[in-house]
Amino acid sequence: MSDADIDVDMPEQDMPLPNEQPEDPLPPTEGVDDMPEDDEGQDEEVEMKIKEIVPDKEVFSNAEAQAPPKRKKRPISEKQREHLAKIRVKALESKRAKAKANKKPKSAKKVYEEKVEDEHSDEEAEPPPQKIGGITLSQDQLRQLQYEAIYGYDSMRKERKAKKREAQAEEKAREKTYQAVSRAVNRPVDDDGWGVCFQ
């Protein structure tokens, strides 16, 4: 079958020519074409009025008379004064307590002693002694043992820190000596001008 044998019925359409613009399918909008054109030849005359300048003194001369009157404060009663006095006392007490709590203690021993004094000042009944591994210990003895354990650990930690600092200082000195010796040994020879390039 060849191209000549194929018969295709194409629908006929009004195709626009290549240089013509197709018709607009939408109806024209009303009012768009009715816009008035600018009359360039007719300028409207604008009347200019000269405004008088009034001094500020005249403008603000009676401003104080127009201001609303200031309200006077009502005097406070005795009940309110008593209440304010109580609040001030409470605020002062809480401020002092916070200041005391924020002070840094000088040592752990003083903190422990203050806690022991506070506990003994309450004069509460001591709890019964505790039995640990067949040994009966009172609360004071337990606290003392805890304090000694914490203090011992703290002193051991400080000793370890000091030893570590000494070891680091020795290592630093050894490294510095090694670098000085290696620089002296590996100094480039003056006879070889290109020897510095490969280091």
C-alpha atoms as a PDB file:
ATOM      1  CA  MET A   1       0.000   0.000   0.000  1.00  0.00           C
ATOM      2  CA  SER A   2       1.440   3.372  -0.915  1.00  0.00           C
ATOM      3  CA  ASP A   3       0.800   6.905   0.237  1.00  0.00           C
ATOM      4  CA  ALA A   4      -1.294   7.589  -2.808  1.00  0.00           C
ATOM      5  CA  ASP A   5      -3.778   4.873  -1.902  1.00  0.00           C
ATOM      6  CA  ILE A   6      -4.564   6.346   1.559  1.00  0.00           C
ATOM      7  CA  ASP A   7      -7.571   8.614   1.471  1.00  0.00           C
ATOM      8  CA  VAL A   8      -8.153  10.595   4.669  1.00  0.00           C
ATOM      9  CA  ASP A   9     -11.159  12.830   5.165  1.00  0.00           C
ATOM     10  CA  MET A  10     -10.003  15.888   7.066  1.00  0.00           C
ATOM     11  CA  PRO A  11     -12.631  18.187   8.597  1.00  0.00           C
ATOM     12  CA  GLU A  12     -12.710  21.599   7.040  1.00  0.00           C
ATOM     13  CA  GLN A  13     -11.825  24.416   9.384  1.00  0.00           C
ATOM     14  CA  ASP A  14     -11.376  28.060   8.867  1.00  0.00           C
ATOM     15  CA  MET A  15      -7.679  28.278   9.344  1.00  0.00           C
ATOM     16  CA  PRO A  16      -6.218  31.783   9.477  1.00  0.00           C
ATOM     17  CA  LEU A  17      -3.612  32.722   6.990  1.00  0.00           C
ATOM     18  CA  PRO A  18      -0.095  32.859   8.331  1.00  0.00           C
ATOM     19  CA  ASN A  19       0.072  36.679   8.483  1.00  0.00           C
ATOM     20  CA  GLU A  20      -3.451  37.230   9.837  1.00  0.00           C
ATOM     21  CA  GLN A  21      -4.500  37.224  13.465  1.00  0.00           C
ATOM     22  CA  PRO A  22      -7.311  34.801  14.376  1.00  0.00           C
ATOM     23  CA  GLU A  23     -10.658  36.102  15.574  1.00  0.00           C
ATOM     24  CA  ASP A  24     -11.158  36.501  19.317  1.00  0.00           C
ATOM     25  CA  PRO A  25     -13.593  33.782  20.492  1.00  0.00           C
ATOM     26  CA  LEU A  26     -14.715  35.856  23.528  1.00  0.00           C
ATOM     27  CA  PRO A  27     -17.265  38.625  23.123  1.00  0.00           C
ATOM     28  CA  PRO A  28     -15.919  42.137  23.600  1.00  0.00           C
ATOM     29  CA  THR A  29     -16.246  43.547  27.127  1.00  0.00           C
ATOM     30  CA  GLU A  30     -18.433  46.519  27.678  1.00  0.00           C
ATOM     31  CA  GLY A  31     -17.083  49.783  28.963  1.00  0.00           C
ATOM     32  CA  VAL A  32     -13.482  49.187  27.962  1.00  0.00           C
ATOM     33  CA  ASP A  33     -13.797  50.985  24.659  1.00  0.00           C
ATOM     34  CA  ASP A  34     -15.912  53.736  26.213  1.00  0.00           C
ATOM     35  CA  MET A  35     -13.035  55.194  28.248  1.00  0.00           C
ATOM     36  CA  PRO A  36     -12.687  58.947  27.838  1.00  0.00           C
ATOM     37  CA  GLU A  37      -9.619  60.072  26.062  1.00  0.00           C
ATOM     38  CA  ASP A  38      -7.267  62.545  27.692  1.00  0.00           C
ATOM     39  CA  ASP A  39      -7.651  66.051  26.478  1.00  0.00           C
ATOM     40  CA  GLU A  40      -4.111  67.199  26.321  1.00  0.00           C
ATOM     41  CA  GLY A  41      -5.032  70.600  25.073  1.00  0.00           C
ATOM     42  CA  GLN A  42      -7.297  71.506  28.007  1.00  0.00           C
ATOM     43  CA  ASP A  43      -5.585  72.113  31.342  1.00  0.00           C
ATOM     44  CA  GLU A  44      -7.708  72.761  34.384  1.00  0.00           C
ATOM     45  CA  GLU A  45      -6.915  75.913  36.219  1.00  0.00           C
ATOM     46  CA  VAL A  46      -5.981  75.333  39.845  1.00  0.00           C
ATOM     47  CA  GLU A  47      -6.527  78.117  42.295  1.00  0.00           C
ATOM     48  CA  MET A  48      -3.671  78.600  44.756  1.00  0.00           C
ATOM     49  CA  LYS A  49      -4.407  80.090  48.165  1.00  0.00           C
ATOM     50  CA  ILE A  50      -1.763  81.591  50.384  1.00  0.00           C
ATOM     51  CA  LYS A  51      -1.911  80.180  53.915  1.00  0.00           C
ATOM     52  CA  GLU A  52      -1.183  82.470  56.799  1.00  0.00           C
ATOM     53  CA  ILE A  53       1.495  81.338  59.248  1.00  0.00           C
ATOM     54  CA  VAL A  54       0.395  81.620  62.869  1.00  0.00           C
ATOM     55  CA  PRO A  55       3.080  81.830  65.588  1.00  0.00           C
ATOM     56  CA  ASP A  56       3.328  78.937  68.029  1.00  0.00           C
ATOM     57  CA  LYS A  57       2.634  81.155  71.018  1.00  0.00           C
ATOM     58  CA  GLU A  58      -0.816  81.954  69.713  1.00  0.00           C
ATOM     59  CA  VAL A  59      -1.586  78.340  68.831  1.00  0.00           C
ATOM     60  CA  PHE A  60      -0.626  76.941  72.237  1.00  0.00           C
ATOM     61  CA  SER A  61      -1.661  79.914  74.338  1.00  0.00           C
ATOM     62  CA  ASN A  62      -4.705  78.276  75.926  1.00  0.00           C
ATOM     63  CA  ALA A  63      -3.490  74.647  75.780  1.00  0.00           C
ATOM     64  CA  GLU A  64      -3.157  74.425  79.584  1.00  0.00           C
ATOM     65  CA  ALA A  65      -6.769  75.435  80.028  1.00  0.00           C
ATOM     66  CA  GLN A  66      -7.893  72.683  77.637  1.00  0.00           C
ATOM     67  CA  ALA A  67      -5.852  69.901  79.305  1.00  0.00           C
ATOM     68  CA  PRO A  68      -7.837  67.542  81.547  1.00  0.00           C
ATOM     69  CA  PRO A  69      -7.304  68.113  85.272  1.00  0.00           C
ATOM     70  CA  LYS A  70      -4.823  65.829  87.011  1.00  0.00           C
ATOM     71  CA  ARG A  71      -6.332  63.269  89.340  1.00  0.00           C
ATOM     72  CA  LYS A  72      -5.125  63.315  92.907  1.00  0.00           C
ATOM     73  CA  LYS A  73      -4.075  60.024  94.474  1.00  0.00           C
ATOM     74  CA  ARG A  74      -6.304  58.717  97.158  1.00  0.00           C
ATOM     75  CA  PRO A  75      -4.470  58.408 100.498  1.00  0.00           C
ATOM     76  CA  ILE A  76      -3.869  54.820 101.608  1.00  0.00           C
ATOM     77  CA  SER A  77      -5.580  53.462 104.661  1.00  0.00           C
ATOM     78  CA  GLU A  78      -3.980  52.115 107.843  1.00  0.00           C
ATOM     79  CA  LYS A  79      -4.878  48.558 106.865  1.00  0.00           C
ATOM     80  CA  GLN A  80      -2.988  48.930 103.588  1.00  0.00           C
ATOM     81  CA  ARG A  81       0.026  50.417 105.398  1.00  0.00           C
ATOM     82  CA  GLU A  82       0.141  47.476 107.808  1.00  0.00           C
ATOM     83  CA  HIS A  83      -0.088  45.033 104.936  1.00  0.00           C
ATOM     84  CA  LEU A  84       2.778  46.778 103.074  1.00  0.00           C
ATOM     85  CA  ALA A  85       4.911  46.701 106.232  1.00  0.00           C
ATOM     86  CA  LYS A  86       4.364  42.935 106.600  1.00  0.00           C
ATOM     87  CA  ILE A  87       5.271  42.366 102.960  1.00  0.00           C
ATOM     88  CA  ARG A  88       8.472  44.406 103.358  1.00  0.00           C
ATOM     89  CA  VAL A  89       9.526  42.339 106.384  1.00  0.00           C
ATOM     90  CA  LYS A  90       8.906  39.066 104.525  1.00  0.00           C
ATOM     91  CA  ALA A  91      10.800  40.300 101.463  1.00  0.00           C
ATOM     92  CA  LEU A  92      13.763  41.342 103.608  1.00  0.00           C
ATOM     93  CA  GLU A  93      13.848  37.935 105.338  1.00  0.00           C
ATOM     94  CA  SER A  94      13.733  36.042 102.042  1.00  0.00           C
ATOM     95  CA  LYS A  95      16.433  38.316 100.598  1.00  0.00           C
ATOM     96  CA  ARG A  96      18.718  37.606 103.553  1.00  0.00           C
ATOM     97  CA  ALA A  97      18.062  33.864 103.319  1.00  0.00           C
ATOM     98  CA  LYS A  98      18.918  33.852  99.594  1.00  0.00           C
ATOM     99  CA  ALA A  99      22.073  35.873 100.220  1.00  0.00           C
ATOM    100  CA  LYS A 100      23.142  33.417 102.898  1.00  0.00           C
ATOM    101  CA  ALA A 101      22.424  30.441 100.627  1.00  0.00           C
ATOM    102  CA  ASN A 102      24.376  31.987  97.746  1.00  0.00           C
ATOM    103  CA  LYS A 103      27.531  32.555  99.787  1.00  0.00           C
ATOM    104  CA  LYS A 104      30.172  30.033  98.798  1.00  0.00           C
ATOM    105  CA  PRO A 105      31.491  28.002 101.715  1.00  0.00           C
ATOM    106  CA  LYS A 106      35.241  28.023 102.343  1.00  0.00           C
ATOM    107  CA  SER A 107      35.553  24.265 102.778  1.00  0.00           C
ATOM    108  CA  ALA A 108      33.549  21.098 102.844  1.00  0.00           C
ATOM    109  CA  LYS A 109      34.298  20.716 106.549  1.00  0.00           C
ATOM    110  CA  LYS A 110      32.513  23.971 107.409  1.00  0.00           C
ATOM    111  CA  VAL A 111      29.485  22.935 105.362  1.00  0.00           C
ATOM    112  CA  TYR A 112      29.364  19.640 107.194  1.00  0.00           C
ATOM    113  CA  GLU A 113      29.669  21.348 110.579  1.00  0.00           C
ATOM    114  CA  GLU A 114      26.878  23.820 109.718  1.00  0.00           C
ATOM    115  CA  LYS A 115      24.608  20.966 108.683  1.00  0.00           C
ATOM    116  CA  VAL A 116      25.328  19.079 111.892  1.00  0.00           C
ATOM    117  CA  GLU A 117      24.621  22.210 113.954  1.00  0.00           C
ATOM    118  CA  ASP A 118      21.357  22.825 112.100  1.00  0.00           C
ATOM    119  CA  GLU A 119      20.247  19.258 112.666  1.00  0.00           C
ATOM    120  CA  HIS A 120      21.114  19.334 116.352  1.00  0.00           C
ATOM    121  CA  SER A 121      19.496  22.729 116.870  1.00  0.00           C
ATOM    122  CA  ASP A 122      16.105  21.311 115.923  1.00  0.00           C
ATOM    123  CA  GLU A 123      16.321  18.945 118.917  1.00  0.00           C
ATOM    124  CA  GLU A 124      14.464  16.239 117.062  1.00  0.00           C
ATOM    125  CA  ALA A 125      14.504  12.684 118.249  1.00  0.00           C
ATOM    126  CA  GLU A 126      17.386  10.793 116.663  1.00  0.00           C
ATOM    127  CA  PRO A 127      16.424   7.822 114.547  1.00  0.00           C
ATOM    128  CA  PRO A 128      17.469   4.465 115.904  1.00  0.00           C
ATOM    129  CA  PRO A 129      21.060   3.383 115.146  1.00  0.00           C
ATOM    130  CA  GLN A 130      21.595   1.375 111.967  1.00  0.00           C
ATOM    131  CA  LYS A 131      23.173  -2.025 111.889  1.00  0.00           C
ATOM    132  CA  ILE A 132      25.735  -2.449 109.124  1.00  0.00           C
ATOM    133  CA  GLY A 133      27.569  -5.740 108.797  1.00  0.00           C
ATOM    134  CA  GLY A 134      27.031  -6.645 112.447  1.00  0.00           C
ATOM    135  CA  ILE A 135      28.176  -3.206 113.669  1.00  0.00           C
ATOM    136  CA  THR A 136      25.662  -0.762 115.081  1.00  0.00           C
ATOM    137  CA  LEU A 137      26.307   2.875 114.137  1.00  0.00           C
ATOM    138  CA  SER A 138      24.468   6.032 115.132  1.00  0.00           C
ATOM    139  CA  GLN A 139      23.544   8.749 112.626  1.00  0.00           C
ATOM    140  CA  ASP A 140      26.469  10.921 113.749  1.00  0.00           C
ATOM    141  CA  GLN A 141      28.919   8.080 113.263  1.00  0.00           C
ATOM    142  CA  LEU A 142      27.500   7.358 109.794  1.00  0.00           C
ATOM    143  CA  ARG A 143      27.803  11.024 108.813  1.00  0.00           C
ATOM    144  CA  GLN A 144      31.352  11.171 110.104  1.00  0.00           C
ATOM    145  CA  LEU A 145      32.281   8.055 108.114  1.00  0.00           C
ATOM    146  CA  GLN A 146      30.701   9.507 104.968  1.00  0.00           C
ATOM    147  CA  TYR A 147      32.536  12.788 105.475  1.00  0.00           C
ATOM    148  CA  GLU A 148      35.871  11.005 105.944  1.00  0.00           C
ATOM    149  CA  ALA A 149      35.274   8.904 102.828  1.00  0.00           C
ATOM    150  CA  ILE A 150      34.455  11.986 100.738  1.00  0.00           C
ATOM    151  CA  TYR A 151      37.405  13.916 102.158  1.00  0.00           C
ATOM    152  CA  GLY A 152      39.764  10.970 101.502  1.00  0.00           C
ATOM    153  CA  TYR A 153      38.569  10.634  97.907  1.00  0.00           C
ATOM    154  CA  ASP A 154      38.967  14.376  97.360  1.00  0.00           C
ATOM    155  CA  SER A 155      42.560  14.350  98.660  1.00  0.00           C
ATOM    156  CA  MET A 156      43.401  11.337  96.465  1.00  0.00           C
ATOM    157  CA  ARG A 157      41.961  13.126  93.426  1.00  0.00           C
ATOM    158  CA  LYS A 158      44.079  16.216  94.136  1.00  0.00           C
ATOM    159  CA  GLU A 159      47.221  14.058  94.427  1.00  0.00           C
ATOM    160  CA  ARG A 160      46.445  12.386  91.086  1.00  0.00           C
ATOM    161  CA  LYS A 161      45.979  15.789  89.461  1.00  0.00           C
ATOM    162  CA  ALA A 162      49.332  17.006  90.777  1.00  0.00           C
ATOM    163  CA  LYS A 163      51.114  13.870  89.493  1.00  0.00           C
ATOM    164  CA  LYS A 164      49.439  14.253  86.101  1.00  0.00           C
ATOM    165  CA  ARG A 165      50.582  17.888  85.826  1.00  0.00           C
ATOM    166  CA  GLU A 166      54.157  16.886  86.672  1.00  0.00           C
ATOM    167  CA  ALA A 167      54.090  14.101  84.063  1.00  0.00           C
ATOM    168  CA  GLN A 168      52.744  16.488  81.429  1.00  0.00           C
ATOM    169  CA  ALA A 169      55.455  19.050  82.247  1.00  0.00           C
ATOM    170  CA  GLU A 170      58.168  16.349  81.917  1.00  0.00           C
ATOM    171  CA  GLU A 171      56.715  15.151  78.600  1.00  0.00           C
ATOM    172  CA  LYS A 172      56.626  18.716  77.301  1.00  0.00           C
ATOM    173  CA  ALA A 173      60.269  19.298  78.272  1.00  0.00           C
ATOM    174  CA  ARG A 174      61.301  15.977  76.651  1.00  0.00           C
ATOM    175  CA  GLU A 175      59.445  16.904  73.428  1.00  0.00           C
ATOM    176  CA  LYS A 176      61.093  20.336  73.358  1.00  0.00           C
ATOM    177  CA  THR A 177      64.547  18.782  73.769  1.00  0.00           C
ATOM    178  CA  TYR A 178      63.836  16.229  71.030  1.00  0.00           C
ATOM    179  CA  GLN A 179      62.735  18.960  68.602  1.00  0.00           C
ATOM    180  CA  ALA A 180      65.855  21.056  69.325  1.00  0.00           C
ATOM    181  CA  VAL A 181      68.148  18.060  68.718  1.00  0.00           C
ATOM    182  CA  SER A 182      66.331  17.000  65.545  1.00  0.00           C
ATOM    183  CA  ARG A 183      66.551  20.551  64.149  1.00  0.00           C
ATOM    184  CA  ALA A 184      70.293  20.626  64.838  1.00  0.00           C
ATOM    185  CA  VAL A 185      70.904  17.207  63.260  1.00  0.00           C
ATOM    186  CA  ASN A 186      68.722  17.730  60.205  1.00  0.00           C
ATOM    187  CA  ARG A 187      70.108  21.177  59.367  1.00  0.00           C
ATOM    188  CA  PRO A 188      70.527  21.508  55.572  1.00  0.00           C
ATOM    189  CA  VAL A 189      74.021  21.435  54.131  1.00  0.00           C
ATOM    190  CA  ASP A 190      75.171  24.742  52.616  1.00  0.00           C
ATOM    191  CA  ASP A 191      76.864  22.975  49.647  1.00  0.00           C
ATOM    192  CA  ASP A 192      73.541  21.640  48.323  1.00  0.00           C
ATOM    193  CA  GLY A 193      71.444  24.607  47.176  1.00  0.00           C
ATOM    194  CA  TRP A 194      68.448  22.435  46.274  1.00  0.00           C
ATOM    195  CA  GLY A 195      68.446  20.306  49.453  1.00  0.00           C
ATOM    196  CA  VAL A 196      65.972  22.605  51.211  1.00  0.00           C
ATOM    197  CA  CYS A 197      63.318  22.017  48.531  1.00  0.00           C
ATOM    198  CA  PHE A 198      62.624  18.413  49.516  1.00  0.00           C
ATOM    199  CA  GLN A 199      62.153  18.806  53.239  1.00  0.00           C
END
